[in-house]
Amino acid sequence: MLVTEIQQAGAAREQGADEASEKMAPVDTSGGTATGEQTGPQSGRKRWAVWWLGHSPDRTALLIWFFWQVASYVYLILAAPGRTEDAILDRFNRYDSYNFMDIARYGYDGRPDDPDAPRLVAFFPGLPLLLRSLQVFIPDLRLALVLISFVATAVVAVALSRLSESYREGSGPWAVLAFFLSPFAVFLLAGYTEALFLALAIPAWLLARRGRWEAAAVCAAFASSIRISGLFLALGLVVQFLVSRDGLRAPRGWRNAPWLVLPGVPVLAYMIYLWQRTGDLMAWKAAEAQYWGRYPEAPWNVFINTWNRSVNEPVLATSYREEILSAIVLVVLIVARLVRRNWADVAYLAPQAVALLAMSSFYMSVGRASLLWWPLYISVGVVGSRRPWVLMAYLAVAAPVWAINVGNFTTGAWVG
């Protein structure tokens, strides 16, 4: 049933749907402003509910999200025997998850018995602040992290589907399927920042395509409080504003330009806080260099270092080679966007390439960062909606790696 629904997504609305649903569905063509007209005697809340229930791509996206959650937990359970006896909450809360929990509990001073607490400034405050606020209702921060990712991924499913639909009708569910079965999607379940960042960044991009620059800037500002990638998002929005019909070229479009400064405010505020705390505006970057080896290096040296690690460290050989493949995918994706003159995508992706491929002594978290490259999954969705075999070929490679990484990460192995 799910495959059938995916193949039909983006076609004409269901014949039996309420006529009001048809009129309210957002239409976004070639990046223009989507409009919706509400008609009928029903209350606003009821009309919204009827519209949503009749919006097939949204429903399909959430079905994919739900069954992906089910499949992930099934595999988590199947992978555990003989490998881990950890509690379920601990299996998705590893490594950096505990850094976020420490910041939420103790601030950037960290635990009193933690000699490496200075590393914590490498993590932006958005997620820890959310955790601290939720702690009033959810004392177990492990559960809070899992619930944040659970809700955020549902938002991502719908937003990514709608964003893909704005490029080509019928491509949304395909893009969502490609995204959730991508090799590193396990980090969308874990207590990491990717899910929450994307739940703000993708709506920001979609709102910008609809010409709603104020709302896009607000979403991007919250995203910037979560990770430095928010600045890359902001740069992409600026370029989109410059080239879009609904941006600077729109009548009095210049009035929206000041909003695009907003995403930089949380980053600036955090840097000022670090300066007052440590005397160094870039203390977060210094901590990355000291504790994770993230410092500028020639791109070819970074590649060589990563390859040598894949040869000399057999336990992590697969992980390092996945990082190399991810780096290649990023470069190819940027070149493809350049050829198509999609300048906004290039403005968003190119700084990531610099940060990931030339600002670290070896490839680190490139695979995990691939979750942030929504132009990749939209491309798969758009092409897959015309040629289903392309998506099938993609899934034949990506889905098994996704399953293996779910098993590895939840049993304590590092996967990127």
Protein backbone atom coordinates (compact mmCIF):
# COMPACT_ATOMS: atom_id res chain seq x y z
CA MET A 1 0.00 0.00 0.00
CA LEU A 2 2.84 2.41 0.86
CA VAL A 3 4.56 1.87 -2.51
CA THR A 4 1.28 2.46 -4.34
CA GLU A 5 0.69 5.65 -2.43
CA ILE A 6 4.20 6.89 -3.17
CA GLN A 7 3.74 6.26 -6.89
CA GLN A 8 0.50 8.26 -6.86
CA ALA A 9 1.80 11.15 -4.74
CA GLY A 10 1.71 14.45 -6.54
CA ALA A 11 -1.02 13.36 -9.00
CA ALA A 12 -4.50 14.92 -8.98
CA ARG A 13 -6.05 15.19 -5.54
CA GLU A 14 -8.22 12.28 -4.50
CA GLN A 15 -11.55 12.36 -6.28
CA GLY A 16 -13.58 12.16 -3.10
CA ALA A 17 -11.72 14.94 -1.22
CA ASP A 18 -13.67 17.93 -0.01
CA GLU A 19 -13.64 20.83 -2.49
CA ALA A 20 -12.42 23.16 0.22
CA SER A 21 -9.37 20.98 0.59
CA GLU A 22 -8.53 21.57 -3.06
CA LYS A 23 -8.70 25.32 -2.71
CA MET A 24 -6.61 25.46 0.42
CA ALA A 25 -3.71 23.30 -0.81
CA PRO A 26 -0.58 25.42 -1.31
CA VAL A 27 0.70 25.72 -4.84
CA ASP A 28 4.32 26.64 -5.40
CA THR A 29 5.62 26.82 -8.94
CA SER A 30 9.12 27.83 -9.94
CA GLY A 31 9.84 29.27 -6.53
CA GLY A 32 6.90 31.68 -6.56
CA THR A 33 4.62 32.63 -3.69
CA ALA A 34 2.15 29.95 -2.69
CA THR A 35 -1.35 31.13 -1.99
CA GLY A 36 -4.30 29.42 -0.45
CA GLU A 37 -7.97 30.40 -0.39
CA GLN A 38 -10.29 29.20 2.36
CA THR A 39 -13.93 28.77 1.44
CA GLY A 40 -16.99 27.09 2.87
CA PRO A 41 -19.00 27.41 6.04
CA GLN A 42 -16.73 25.30 8.26
CA SER A 43 -14.74 26.79 11.14
CA GLY A 44 -11.09 27.63 10.50
CA ARG A 45 -9.85 24.73 12.61
CA LYS A 46 -12.09 22.20 10.89
CA ARG A 47 -11.20 23.49 7.43
CA TRP A 48 -7.49 23.18 8.28
CA ALA A 49 -8.01 19.60 9.45
CA VAL A 50 -9.96 18.68 6.31
CA TRP A 51 -7.26 20.25 4.14
CA TRP A 52 -4.44 18.40 5.91
CA LEU A 53 -6.18 15.03 5.81
CA GLY A 54 -6.82 15.48 2.13
CA HIS A 55 -3.24 16.50 1.37
CA SER A 56 -1.86 13.21 0.14
CA PRO A 57 1.89 14.08 -0.03
CA ASP A 58 1.86 15.18 3.63
CA ARG A 59 0.07 12.00 4.66
CA THR A 60 2.47 9.84 2.70
CA ALA A 61 5.49 11.66 4.13
CA LEU A 62 4.27 10.99 7.66
CA LEU A 63 3.59 7.35 6.83
CA ILE A 64 7.18 7.01 5.63
CA TRP A 65 8.38 8.73 8.80
CA PHE A 66 6.27 6.45 11.03
CA PHE A 67 7.31 3.18 9.43
CA TRP A 68 10.94 4.34 9.33
CA GLN A 69 10.71 4.85 13.09
CA VAL A 70 9.23 1.35 13.47
CA ALA A 71 11.92 -0.21 11.25
CA SER A 72 14.70 1.57 13.15
CA TYR A 73 13.52 0.30 16.52
CA VAL A 74 13.01 -3.21 15.14
CA TYR A 75 16.57 -3.24 13.86
CA LEU A 76 17.83 -1.71 17.11
CA ILE A 77 16.35 -4.66 18.98
CA LEU A 78 17.56 -7.27 16.49
CA ALA A 79 21.12 -5.90 16.49
CA ALA A 80 21.50 -5.91 20.28
CA PRO A 81 21.91 -9.62 21.27
CA GLY A 82 25.55 -10.36 21.91
CA ARG A 83 26.59 -6.77 21.27
CA THR A 84 24.98 -4.62 23.97
CA GLU A 85 22.74 -4.80 26.99
CA ASP A 86 22.26 -1.06 27.24
CA ALA A 87 18.82 0.36 27.90
CA ILE A 88 16.91 1.58 24.85
CA LEU A 89 17.40 5.25 25.78
CA ASP A 90 21.15 4.75 26.09
CA ARG A 91 21.42 3.20 22.65
CA PHE A 92 20.37 6.41 20.92
CA ASN A 93 22.18 8.70 23.36
CA ARG A 94 25.89 8.25 22.83
CA TYR A 95 28.99 10.40 22.44
CA ASP A 96 27.93 14.04 21.89
CA SER A 97 24.50 13.39 23.43
CA TYR A 98 26.09 13.45 26.87
CA ASN A 99 27.81 16.74 26.11
CA PHE A 100 24.42 18.33 25.42
CA MET A 101 23.02 16.85 28.62
CA ASP A 102 25.99 18.11 30.65
CA ILE A 103 25.54 21.64 29.29
CA ALA A 104 21.82 21.50 30.06
CA ARG A 105 22.49 20.40 33.65
CA TYR A 106 25.66 22.29 34.59
CA GLY A 107 26.12 24.97 31.95
CA TYR A 108 29.42 25.35 30.11
CA ASP A 109 31.34 24.70 33.33
CA GLY A 110 30.42 21.03 32.91
CA ARG A 111 30.39 18.38 35.58
CA PRO A 112 32.62 19.21 38.56
CA ASP A 113 34.63 16.02 38.01
CA ASP A 114 35.10 16.56 34.26
CA PRO A 115 38.69 17.65 33.49
CA ASP A 116 37.85 18.22 29.81
CA ALA A 117 34.86 20.52 30.40
CA PRO A 118 36.44 23.31 28.25
CA ARG A 119 35.48 21.22 25.21
CA LEU A 120 31.80 22.00 25.82
CA VAL A 121 32.01 25.47 24.31
CA ALA A 122 32.33 23.77 20.91
CA PHE A 123 28.59 23.05 21.11
CA PHE A 124 26.13 25.83 20.39
CA PRO A 125 23.53 26.53 23.10
CA GLY A 126 20.26 26.01 21.22
CA LEU A 127 19.71 22.31 21.96
CA PRO A 128 20.99 22.45 25.58
CA LEU A 129 18.66 25.40 26.30
CA LEU A 130 15.72 23.45 24.93
CA LEU A 131 16.72 20.47 27.05
CA ARG A 132 16.94 22.63 30.17
CA SER A 133 13.44 24.00 29.55
CA LEU A 134 12.04 20.50 29.00
CA GLN A 135 13.69 19.17 32.14
CA VAL A 136 10.85 20.70 34.17
CA PHE A 137 8.45 18.26 32.50
CA ILE A 138 10.83 15.44 31.50
CA PRO A 139 13.46 14.89 34.23
CA ASP A 140 15.24 12.20 32.20
CA LEU A 141 17.19 14.16 29.62
CA ARG A 142 17.87 11.00 27.62
CA LEU A 143 14.13 10.70 27.03
CA ALA A 144 13.88 14.41 26.26
CA LEU A 145 16.56 14.09 23.55
CA VAL A 146 14.82 11.13 21.95
CA LEU A 147 11.46 12.93 21.99
CA ILE A 148 12.99 16.05 20.45
CA SER A 149 14.34 13.98 17.58
CA PHE A 150 11.02 12.10 17.29
CA VAL A 151 8.97 15.28 16.87
CA ALA A 152 11.59 17.08 14.79
CA THR A 153 11.82 14.27 12.24
CA ALA A 154 8.05 14.39 11.73
CA VAL A 155 8.34 18.09 10.94
CA VAL A 156 11.25 17.36 8.60
CA ALA A 157 9.22 14.70 6.76
CA VAL A 158 6.39 17.11 5.90
CA ALA A 159 8.66 20.09 5.21
CA LEU A 160 10.99 18.14 2.93
CA SER A 161 8.03 16.70 1.03
CA ARG A 162 6.54 20.14 0.47
CA LEU A 163 9.92 21.59 -0.52
CA SER A 164 10.45 18.84 -3.07
CA GLU A 165 6.89 19.28 -4.37
CA SER A 166 7.68 22.95 -4.98
CA TYR A 167 10.30 21.82 -7.52
CA ARG A 168 8.28 19.03 -9.12
CA GLU A 169 4.80 17.87 -8.25
CA GLY A 170 4.79 14.23 -7.23
CA SER A 171 8.41 14.16 -6.05
CA GLY A 172 7.85 14.83 -2.34
CA PRO A 173 7.35 11.31 -0.97
CA TRP A 174 10.23 10.02 -3.07
CA ALA A 175 12.56 12.65 -1.57
CA VAL A 176 11.36 11.79 1.95
CA LEU A 177 11.98 8.08 1.38
CA ALA A 178 15.48 8.78 0.04
CA PHE A 179 16.22 10.98 3.03
CA PHE A 180 15.08 8.66 5.80
CA LEU A 181 16.87 5.68 4.28
CA SER A 182 20.08 7.59 3.70
CA PRO A 183 23.15 5.85 5.16
CA PHE A 184 23.52 8.14 8.20
CA ALA A 185 19.85 8.59 9.09
CA VAL A 186 20.48 6.93 12.46
CA PHE A 187 21.60 10.36 13.70
CA LEU A 188 18.04 11.59 13.15
CA LEU A 189 16.99 9.22 15.92
CA ALA A 190 19.92 9.97 18.22
CA GLY A 191 20.37 12.79 20.71
CA TYR A 192 22.17 14.95 18.17
CA THR A 193 21.43 18.32 16.55
CA GLU A 194 20.69 17.19 13.00
CA ALA A 195 16.96 16.52 13.39
CA LEU A 196 16.24 19.74 15.28
CA PHE A 197 18.36 21.84 12.92
CA LEU A 198 16.60 20.42 9.86
CA ALA A 199 13.17 20.94 11.44
CA LEU A 200 13.99 24.66 11.33
CA ALA A 201 16.26 24.92 8.28
CA ILE A 202 14.06 23.13 5.72
CA PRO A 203 10.95 25.16 6.65
CA ALA A 204 13.11 28.29 6.38
CA TRP A 205 14.13 27.33 2.85
CA LEU A 206 10.54 26.50 1.92
CA LEU A 207 9.23 29.77 3.36
CA ALA A 208 11.85 31.67 1.38
CA ARG A 209 10.73 29.97 -1.83
CA ARG A 210 7.22 31.15 -1.01
CA GLY A 211 8.42 34.70 -0.51
CA ARG A 212 7.85 34.74 3.25
CA TRP A 213 11.21 36.20 4.17
CA GLU A 214 10.39 37.32 7.71
CA ALA A 215 9.28 33.83 8.77
CA ALA A 216 12.22 32.27 6.92
CA ALA A 217 14.67 34.51 8.78
CA VAL A 218 13.13 33.66 12.16
CA CYS A 219 13.41 29.92 11.47
CA ALA A 220 16.99 30.36 10.28
CA ALA A 221 17.84 32.35 13.44
CA PHE A 222 16.69 29.49 15.66
CA ALA A 223 18.65 27.09 13.44
CA SER A 224 21.78 29.23 13.94
CA SER A 225 21.46 28.86 17.70
CA ILE A 226 21.79 25.09 17.27
CA ARG A 227 24.85 24.78 15.03
CA ILE A 228 27.17 26.94 12.95
CA SER A 229 25.55 25.48 9.81
CA GLY A 230 22.85 28.08 10.41
CA LEU A 231 25.22 30.67 8.94
CA PHE A 232 25.55 28.59 5.77
CA LEU A 233 21.75 28.46 5.66
CA ALA A 234 21.64 32.24 6.07
CA LEU A 235 24.06 32.71 3.17
CA GLY A 236 21.89 30.49 0.99
CA LEU A 237 18.81 32.55 1.93
CA VAL A 238 20.61 35.77 1.04
CA VAL A 239 21.48 34.46 -2.43
CA GLN A 240 17.95 33.13 -2.85
CA PHE A 241 16.64 36.59 -1.93
CA LEU A 242 18.87 38.20 -4.55
CA VAL A 243 17.83 35.91 -7.43
CA SER A 244 14.19 35.13 -6.58
CA ARG A 245 11.23 36.87 -8.17
CA ASP A 246 9.75 37.18 -4.67
CA GLY A 247 12.95 38.60 -3.23
CA LEU A 248 14.83 41.77 -4.08
CA ARG A 249 13.25 41.95 -7.54
CA ALA A 250 9.71 42.02 -6.11
CA PRO A 251 7.99 45.40 -5.71
CA ARG A 252 9.50 46.98 -2.60
CA GLY A 253 11.35 43.73 -2.04
CA TRP A 254 14.24 45.64 -0.49
CA ARG A 255 12.11 46.10 2.63
CA ASN A 256 12.64 42.43 3.50
CA ALA A 257 16.43 42.65 3.25
CA PRO A 258 17.05 43.60 6.91
CA TRP A 259 15.38 40.38 8.05
CA LEU A 260 18.22 38.39 6.52
CA VAL A 261 20.60 39.72 9.16
CA LEU A 262 18.58 38.00 11.90
CA PRO A 263 20.17 34.49 11.55
CA GLY A 264 23.55 35.98 12.47
CA VAL A 265 22.30 37.37 15.79
CA PRO A 266 22.37 34.10 17.81
CA VAL A 267 25.88 33.32 16.55
CA LEU A 268 27.09 36.81 17.44
CA ALA A 269 25.44 36.59 20.86
CA TYR A 270 27.15 33.28 21.58
CA MET A 271 30.52 34.62 20.46
CA ILE A 272 30.14 37.65 22.75
CA TYR A 273 29.29 35.28 25.61
CA LEU A 274 32.45 33.28 24.85
CA TRP A 275 34.52 36.44 24.74
CA GLN A 276 33.25 37.46 28.16
CA ARG A 277 33.85 33.94 29.46
CA THR A 278 37.23 33.12 27.90
CA GLY A 279 38.50 36.29 26.23
CA ASP A 280 38.25 34.57 22.83
CA LEU A 281 35.38 35.28 20.41
CA MET A 282 36.22 32.05 18.58
CA ALA A 283 36.59 29.84 21.65
CA TRP A 284 34.18 27.33 20.10
CA LYS A 285 36.53 26.91 17.13
CA ALA A 286 39.59 26.66 19.38
CA ALA A 287 37.88 23.88 21.34
CA GLU A 288 37.16 22.01 18.09
CA ALA A 289 40.83 22.25 17.13
CA GLN A 290 42.08 21.17 20.56
CA TYR A 291 39.72 18.26 21.20
CA TRP A 292 38.72 17.07 17.73
CA GLY A 293 41.61 18.05 15.48
CA ARG A 294 39.52 20.51 13.48
CA TYR A 295 42.04 22.99 12.12
CA PRO A 296 42.80 24.24 8.59
CA GLU A 297 44.61 21.79 6.35
CA ALA A 298 45.18 21.48 2.61
CA PRO A 299 42.27 19.49 1.11
CA TRP A 300 44.56 16.90 -0.47
CA ASN A 301 46.30 16.34 2.86
CA VAL A 302 42.93 15.86 4.55
CA PHE A 303 42.06 13.21 1.96
CA ILE A 304 45.41 11.45 2.37
CA ASN A 305 45.16 11.51 6.16
CA THR A 306 41.69 9.99 6.04
CA TRP A 307 42.74 7.28 3.62
CA ASN A 308 45.75 6.40 5.75
CA ARG A 309 43.51 6.12 8.80
CA SER A 310 41.21 3.77 6.88
CA VAL A 311 44.23 1.53 6.19
CA ASN A 312 45.91 1.74 9.59
CA GLU A 313 42.82 1.53 11.82
CA PRO A 314 40.96 -1.63 10.73
CA VAL A 315 38.21 -1.22 13.32
CA LEU A 316 37.18 2.13 11.80
CA ALA A 317 38.17 1.37 8.19
CA THR A 318 34.56 1.23 6.96
CA SER A 319 33.66 4.45 8.76
CA TYR A 320 36.57 6.36 7.23
CA ARG A 321 35.75 5.10 3.74
CA GLU A 322 32.16 6.15 4.19
CA GLU A 323 33.48 9.60 5.05
CA ILE A 324 35.53 9.64 1.85
CA LEU A 325 32.55 8.60 -0.25
CA SER A 326 30.42 11.27 1.43
CA ALA A 327 33.04 13.90 0.60
CA ILE A 328 32.97 12.84 -3.05
CA VAL A 329 29.16 13.03 -3.10
CA LEU A 330 29.31 16.58 -1.70
CA VAL A 331 31.75 17.74 -4.37
CA VAL A 332 29.70 16.14 -7.17
CA LEU A 333 26.52 17.69 -5.77
CA ILE A 334 28.06 21.17 -5.74
CA VAL A 335 29.36 20.79 -9.29
CA ALA A 336 25.91 19.63 -10.44
CA ARG A 337 24.29 22.67 -8.80
CA LEU A 338 26.86 24.94 -10.44
CA VAL A 339 26.11 23.46 -13.85
CA ARG A 340 22.39 24.07 -13.29
CA ARG A 341 23.16 27.58 -11.98
CA ASN A 342 21.27 26.96 -8.78
CA TRP A 343 23.16 29.66 -6.93
CA ALA A 344 21.25 29.48 -3.67
CA ASP A 345 22.01 25.77 -3.25
CA VAL A 346 25.67 26.42 -4.08
CA ALA A 347 25.81 29.22 -1.50
CA TYR A 348 24.47 26.80 1.13
CA LEU A 349 26.58 23.78 0.18
CA ALA A 350 29.95 25.33 -0.73
CA PRO A 351 30.79 26.67 2.76
CA GLN A 352 30.01 23.22 4.13
CA ALA A 353 32.53 21.75 1.72
CA VAL A 354 35.17 24.20 2.95
CA ALA A 355 34.38 23.47 6.61
CA LEU A 356 34.26 19.70 6.18
CA LEU A 357 37.01 19.10 3.62
CA ALA A 358 39.58 21.78 4.45
CA MET A 359 39.07 22.75 8.10
CA SER A 360 39.88 19.41 9.69
CA SER A 361 42.95 17.20 9.82
CA PHE A 362 40.89 14.30 8.45
CA TYR A 363 37.31 13.77 7.31
CA MET A 364 35.17 13.87 10.41
CA SER A 365 31.36 13.81 10.47
CA VAL A 366 31.12 14.36 6.70
CA GLY A 367 28.72 11.42 6.45
CA ARG A 368 26.59 12.76 9.29
CA ALA A 369 26.59 16.20 7.66
CA SER A 370 25.14 14.61 4.50
CA LEU A 371 21.79 14.72 6.30
CA LEU A 372 21.91 18.50 5.89
CA TRP A 373 22.24 18.34 2.11
CA TRP A 374 18.55 18.41 1.25
CA PRO A 375 19.28 19.39 -2.39
CA LEU A 376 20.66 15.85 -2.74
CA TYR A 377 17.46 14.17 -1.57
CA ILE A 378 15.28 16.53 -3.58
CA SER A 379 17.33 15.62 -6.66
CA VAL A 380 16.75 11.93 -5.98
CA GLY A 381 13.05 12.63 -5.43
CA VAL A 382 12.64 14.68 -8.59
CA VAL A 383 14.47 12.18 -10.79
CA GLY A 384 12.84 9.23 -9.02
CA SER A 385 9.35 10.60 -9.67
CA ARG A 386 10.10 10.38 -13.39
CA ARG A 387 12.29 7.29 -13.37
CA PRO A 388 11.48 5.04 -10.38
CA TRP A 389 14.42 2.76 -11.17
CA VAL A 390 16.78 5.58 -10.12
CA LEU A 391 15.28 5.63 -6.65
CA MET A 392 15.33 1.84 -6.50
CA ALA A 393 19.03 1.86 -7.38
CA TYR A 394 19.68 4.50 -4.74
CA LEU A 395 17.83 2.51 -2.08
CA ALA A 396 19.60 -0.71 -3.05
CA VAL A 397 22.86 0.95 -1.95
CA ALA A 398 21.72 3.34 0.78
CA ALA A 399 19.20 1.24 2.72
CA PRO A 400 21.55 -1.63 3.66
CA VAL A 401 24.18 0.85 4.84
CA TRP A 402 21.50 2.66 6.85
CA ALA A 403 20.50 -0.63 8.54
CA ILE A 404 24.12 -1.52 9.32
CA ASN A 405 24.76 1.94 10.77
CA VAL A 406 21.65 1.73 12.95
CA GLY A 407 22.95 -1.56 14.35
CA ASN A 408 26.50 -0.27 14.80
CA PHE A 409 25.66 3.07 16.39
CA THR A 410 23.06 1.70 18.81
CA THR A 411 25.45 -1.00 19.99
CA GLY A 412 28.27 1.45 20.68
CA ALA A 413 30.30 1.55 17.47
CA TRP A 414 31.16 4.87 15.84
CA VAL A 415 29.70 5.34 12.35
CA GLY A 416 30.54 8.94 11.40
